[in-house]
Protein backbone atom coordinates (compact mmCIF):
# COMPACT_ATOMS: atom_id res chain seq x y z
CA UNK A 1 0.11 0.05 0.04
CA UNK A 2 1.46 3.40 -1.02
CA UNK A 3 1.80 5.92 1.90
CA UNK A 4 -0.59 8.87 2.09
CA UNK A 5 1.61 11.67 0.74
CA UNK A 6 2.64 14.37 3.21
CA UNK A 7 2.47 18.19 2.54
CA UNK A 8 5.78 19.98 2.88
CA UNK A 9 6.93 23.50 2.69
CA UNK A 10 10.10 25.58 2.80
CA UNK A 11 11.37 28.88 1.96
CA UNK A 12 12.85 29.87 -1.38
CA UNK A 13 16.05 31.05 0.31
CA UNK A 14 19.27 29.30 -1.01
CA UNK A 15 20.02 27.47 2.10
CA UNK A 16 16.60 25.75 2.13
CA UNK A 17 16.60 24.95 -1.70
CA UNK A 18 20.17 23.61 -1.37
CA UNK A 19 19.16 21.34 1.57
CA UNK A 20 15.88 20.08 0.17
CA UNK A 21 17.16 19.61 -3.56
CA UNK A 22 17.87 15.95 -3.33
CA UNK A 23 14.79 15.10 -1.24
CA UNK A 24 12.17 16.73 -3.50
CA UNK A 25 13.91 15.44 -6.61
CA UNK A 26 13.67 11.73 -5.64
CA UNK A 27 17.52 11.46 -5.12
CA UNK A 28 16.99 10.29 -1.37
CA UNK A 29 15.15 6.84 -1.03
CA UNK A 30 12.12 6.96 1.33
CA UNK A 31 10.47 3.75 2.57
CA UNK A 32 7.36 4.64 4.47
CA UNK A 33 6.71 8.22 3.40
CA UNK A 34 5.99 10.27 0.29
CA UNK A 35 5.44 14.02 -0.31
CA UNK A 36 3.13 16.16 -2.28
CA UNK A 37 4.42 18.99 -4.57
CA UNK A 38 6.56 21.15 -2.13
CA UNK A 39 5.18 24.50 -1.29
CA UNK A 40 7.69 27.37 -1.49
CA UNK A 41 6.81 30.49 0.64
CA UNK A 42 8.44 33.35 2.57
CA UNK A 43 9.15 32.02 6.19
CA UNK A 44 6.64 34.32 7.70
CA UNK A 45 3.93 32.80 5.44
CA UNK A 46 5.05 29.33 6.44
CA UNK A 47 4.92 30.48 10.15
CA UNK A 48 1.28 31.53 9.75
CA UNK A 49 0.30 28.44 7.81
CA UNK A 50 1.74 26.40 10.66
CA UNK A 51 -0.44 28.42 13.09
CA UNK A 52 -3.43 27.08 11.06
CA UNK A 53 -2.01 23.55 10.79
CA UNK A 54 -1.77 23.60 7.04
CA UNK A 55 1.59 21.77 6.54
CA UNK A 56 2.75 18.23 7.75
CA UNK A 57 6.37 19.26 7.37
CA UNK A 58 7.51 22.85 7.28
CA UNK A 59 10.19 25.38 7.70
CA UNK A 60 9.57 27.34 10.76
CA UNK A 61 11.20 30.30 12.56
CA UNK A 62 12.29 29.38 16.12
CA UNK A 63 10.07 32.23 17.23
CA UNK A 64 7.06 30.67 15.57
CA UNK A 65 7.99 27.33 17.14
CA UNK A 66 7.71 28.82 20.58
CA UNK A 67 4.03 29.17 19.97
CA UNK A 68 3.60 25.74 18.30
CA UNK A 69 5.15 23.42 20.80
CA UNK A 70 2.09 21.33 21.23
CA UNK A 71 1.45 21.03 17.54
CA UNK A 72 5.00 20.47 15.90
CA UNK A 73 8.11 18.45 16.84
CA UNK A 74 11.44 20.01 15.86
CA UNK A 75 13.72 18.05 13.73
CA UNK A 76 17.50 17.99 14.42
CA UNK A 77 18.32 18.12 10.62
CA UNK A 78 17.58 21.01 8.29
CA UNK A 79 18.16 23.93 10.72
CA UNK A 80 19.70 27.26 10.28
CA UNK A 81 21.68 27.88 13.42
CA UNK A 82 25.26 29.16 13.65
CA UNK A 83 27.62 31.91 14.49
CA UNK A 84 28.01 35.19 12.65
CA UNK A 85 24.71 34.66 10.79
CA UNK A 86 22.16 36.66 12.73
CA UNK A 87 19.76 39.39 11.70
CA UNK A 88 21.19 42.92 11.21
CA UNK A 89 19.63 46.09 12.50
CA UNK A 90 20.33 48.69 9.80
CA UNK A 91 19.69 52.31 9.19
CA UNK A 92 20.36 54.98 6.46
CA UNK A 93 22.01 57.12 9.38
CA UNK A 94 25.05 55.63 11.01
CA UNK A 95 24.52 57.71 14.04
CA UNK A 96 20.94 56.64 14.60
CA UNK A 97 20.14 55.50 18.02
CA UNK A 98 17.10 53.28 18.80
CA UNK A 99 14.73 54.26 21.45
CA UNK A 100 10.83 54.15 22.45
CA UNK A 101 9.99 56.30 19.58
CA UNK A 102 11.85 54.52 16.90
CA UNK A 103 9.67 52.95 14.08
CA UNK A 104 11.50 49.72 12.83
CA UNK A 105 10.60 47.41 10.08
CA UNK A 106 10.64 43.74 10.87
CA UNK A 107 10.40 40.59 8.33
CA UNK A 108 7.29 39.09 10.00
CA UNK A 109 5.71 39.05 13.36
CA UNK A 110 6.86 35.42 14.10
CA UNK A 111 10.32 35.57 12.67
CA UNK A 112 13.33 35.03 15.03
CA UNK A 113 14.50 38.46 13.74
CA UNK A 114 11.37 40.10 15.38
CA UNK A 115 12.02 38.13 18.68
CA UNK A 116 15.69 39.13 18.72
CA UNK A 117 14.90 42.75 18.24
CA UNK A 118 12.42 42.40 21.15
CA UNK A 119 14.95 40.86 23.41
CA UNK A 120 17.74 43.28 22.27
CA UNK A 121 15.63 46.54 22.66
CA UNK A 122 12.37 45.86 24.68
CA UNK A 123 11.67 49.62 24.69
CA UNK A 124 10.68 49.38 20.94
CA UNK A 125 6.98 49.17 20.45
CA UNK A 126 6.56 50.61 16.96
CA UNK A 127 7.24 48.07 14.47
CA UNK A 128 6.13 47.61 10.84
CA UNK A 129 5.84 44.09 9.31
CA UNK A 130 7.22 43.95 5.79
CA UNK A 131 8.38 41.27 3.32
CA UNK A 132 12.17 40.68 4.05
CA UNK A 133 13.01 41.78 0.57
CA UNK A 134 11.16 45.20 0.86
CA UNK A 135 12.76 46.33 4.09
CA UNK A 136 16.07 47.85 2.70
CA UNK A 137 14.20 50.07 0.27
CA UNK A 138 11.83 51.29 3.04
CA UNK A 139 14.94 52.21 5.09
CA UNK A 140 16.46 54.09 2.13
CA UNK A 141 13.17 56.01 1.58
CA UNK A 142 12.93 56.96 5.28
CA UNK A 143 9.46 55.18 5.50
CA UNK A 144 10.94 53.60 8.75
CA UNK A 145 13.79 54.65 11.03
CA UNK A 146 15.60 51.28 10.82
CA UNK A 147 14.89 47.78 9.67
CA UNK A 148 15.92 44.32 10.72
CA UNK A 149 17.19 42.50 7.67
CA UNK A 150 17.71 38.82 7.06
CA UNK A 151 18.84 36.25 4.29
CA UNK A 152 20.71 37.95 1.36
CA UNK A 153 20.47 41.45 2.84
CA UNK A 154 23.27 40.59 5.09
CA UNK A 155 25.63 40.67 2.03
CA UNK A 156 24.07 43.53 0.02
CA UNK A 157 23.00 46.28 2.52
CA UNK A 158 26.18 48.23 1.98
CA UNK A 159 25.38 48.50 -1.65
CA UNK A 160 22.30 50.54 -0.68
CA UNK A 161 24.40 52.97 1.48
CA UNK A 162 22.92 51.39 4.73
CA UNK A 163 24.81 51.09 8.04
CA UNK A 164 24.54 48.29 10.57
CA UNK A 165 23.64 49.58 13.91
CA UNK A 166 23.69 46.16 15.56
CA UNK A 167 24.33 42.67 14.54
CA UNK A 168 21.69 41.07 16.51
CA UNK A 169 23.28 37.46 16.08
CA UNK A 170 26.54 38.86 17.56
CA UNK A 171 24.66 40.55 20.53
CA UNK A 172 22.98 37.07 21.10
CA UNK A 173 26.26 35.18 21.08
CA UNK A 174 27.93 37.73 23.51
CA UNK A 175 24.92 37.67 25.69
CA UNK A 176 24.47 33.95 26.00
CA UNK A 177 27.60 32.22 24.57
CA UNK A 178 25.32 30.20 22.31
CA UNK A 179 25.14 30.22 18.47
CA UNK A 180 22.08 32.04 17.18
CA UNK A 181 19.06 29.66 16.32
CA UNK A 182 17.17 31.08 13.38
CA UNK A 183 14.98 28.47 11.84
CA UNK A 184 14.17 24.71 12.04
CA UNK A 185 12.03 22.14 10.20
CA UNK A 186 9.00 21.06 12.15
CA UNK A 187 6.84 17.98 11.76
CA UNK A 188 3.16 17.67 12.82
CA UNK A 189 3.31 16.16 16.29
CA UNK A 190 0.41 13.80 15.37
CA UNK A 191 2.54 11.94 12.87
CA UNK A 192 3.90 8.40 14.02
CA UNK A 193 7.35 8.47 15.52
CA UNK A 194 8.64 6.26 12.72
CA UNK A 195 7.52 8.70 10.17
CA UNK A 196 8.96 11.67 11.95
CA UNK A 197 12.35 9.80 12.26
CA UNK A 198 12.29 8.92 8.49
CA UNK A 199 11.60 12.59 7.51
CA UNK A 200 14.50 13.66 9.81
CA UNK A 201 16.84 11.05 8.10
CA UNK A 202 15.61 12.05 4.73
CA UNK A 203 16.58 15.83 5.14
CA UNK A 204 19.89 14.86 6.61
CA UNK A 205 20.61 12.37 3.54
CA UNK A 206 19.43 15.24 1.25
CA UNK A 207 22.10 17.63 2.65
CA UNK A 208 24.74 14.91 2.54
CA UNK A 209 23.83 14.05 -1.10
CA UNK A 210 24.27 17.67 -2.36
CA UNK A 211 27.47 18.07 -0.46
CA UNK A 212 28.78 15.08 -2.27
CA UNK A 213 27.67 16.41 -5.58
CA UNK A 214 29.00 20.04 -5.94
CA UNK A 215 27.19 21.98 -8.51
CA UNK A 216 24.05 19.95 -8.66
CA UNK A 217 20.88 21.75 -7.96
CA UNK A 218 22.32 25.26 -8.96
CA UNK A 219 19.56 25.98 -11.42
CA UNK A 220 16.86 24.98 -8.91
CA UNK A 221 18.48 27.20 -6.28
CA UNK A 222 18.83 30.02 -8.61
CA UNK A 223 14.99 29.66 -9.82
CA UNK A 224 13.77 30.70 -6.28
CA UNK A 225 16.55 33.03 -5.10
CA UNK A 226 16.04 36.68 -4.49
CA UNK A 227 19.58 37.56 -5.31
CA UNK A 228 21.02 35.85 -8.51
CA UNK A 229 24.68 36.82 -8.05
CA UNK A 230 26.60 33.51 -7.82
CA UNK A 231 29.06 34.92 -5.20
CA UNK A 232 26.09 36.09 -3.00
CA UNK A 233 24.28 32.60 -3.49
CA UNK A 234 27.52 30.90 -2.56
CA UNK A 235 28.07 32.95 0.55
CA UNK A 236 24.43 32.51 1.65
CA UNK A 237 24.72 28.81 1.60
CA UNK A 238 28.24 28.78 3.20
CA UNK A 239 26.82 30.92 6.10
CA UNK A 240 23.54 29.39 6.78
CA UNK A 241 24.28 25.61 6.05
CA UNK A 242 26.73 24.08 8.37
CA UNK A 243 27.16 21.13 10.68
CA UNK A 244 24.24 22.30 12.68
CA UNK A 245 22.05 21.70 9.68
CA UNK A 246 23.13 18.06 9.63
CA UNK A 247 22.53 17.55 13.38
CA UNK A 248 21.70 20.28 15.94
CA UNK A 249 23.56 18.32 18.77
CA UNK A 250 23.70 19.29 22.36
CA UNK A 251 24.94 22.80 21.72
CA UNK A 252 22.27 23.57 19.14
CA UNK A 253 19.35 22.24 21.26
CA UNK A 254 20.68 24.23 24.16
CA UNK A 255 20.65 27.27 22.01
CA UNK A 256 17.05 26.74 21.13
CA UNK A 257 16.00 26.06 24.78
CA UNK A 258 17.74 29.27 25.78
CA UNK A 259 16.00 31.38 23.20
CA UNK A 260 12.64 29.99 24.04
CA UNK A 261 13.37 30.51 27.81
CA UNK A 262 14.15 34.07 27.34
CA UNK A 263 11.10 34.70 25.17
CA UNK A 264 8.83 33.07 27.76
CA UNK A 265 10.47 35.27 30.33
CA UNK A 266 9.34 38.29 28.35
CA UNK A 267 5.89 36.95 28.20
CA UNK A 268 6.07 36.20 24.42
CA UNK A 269 5.24 32.60 24.50
CA UNK A 270 2.50 30.52 26.26
CA UNK A 271 3.54 29.07 29.54
CA UNK A 272 2.41 25.65 28.33
CA UNK A 273 4.24 23.50 25.80
CA UNK A 274 7.41 21.58 25.97
CA UNK A 275 10.19 21.58 23.26
CA UNK A 276 10.33 18.12 21.64
CA UNK A 277 12.80 16.93 19.07
CA UNK A 278 13.74 13.98 16.92
CA UNK A 279 17.05 12.71 18.10
CA UNK A 280 18.22 10.88 15.03
């Protein structure tokens, strides 16, 4: 009997399309599971769909995961977590100082970038939600005082004459000693443990496959990317895909637990819910 296909979604960002290329192109054998046509959407859209329980397997911001601990289990493969890869708070004015009057653009209510801004500058209450690829233009035009940028923006903001006021990932690393947890893959908690485990292994093997086949998947990655410059794409993948993407390990899980703990202390997460993860 053929398995019922599972719905799956991930972002169009190069780190996700790189990791999932082999899996969605049938290059990784799966025994007990199958997937429907993958859905590609901005991570904030995926976060909101997860709130509605729309997808069986989905990319999630760790911020969103903090609201979904009863509904989704965290995989230990496929995550975006590391050092020197956090969101940047940028402005067109190098001397700008954030205070309670500041109006700051964020790339989604449930993004980890928004959570980090809240932890770094709790006095900020005026935020404007924008698509991540619209924030730098809004900062340039003066529509907002500053913006929190993610993804390829980390490599291109200087080209727009913007200034980094604070590397929020670096702030986190210095504050906690942990690498910064940005996003993970969640699976519906109601799925059987065997299925959850095979999904985790499938994603891990997908990453291993593309690492052993340099250059494969480039057109697929380019098809979805916001930035087409080869150097930017390569830098993006090198920065956001690392050994934590293969296996979070104790340090990675500790970083996630600390992020959720601090968010809960700020009253940003429900008091109920316990972080669960697939160990292998």
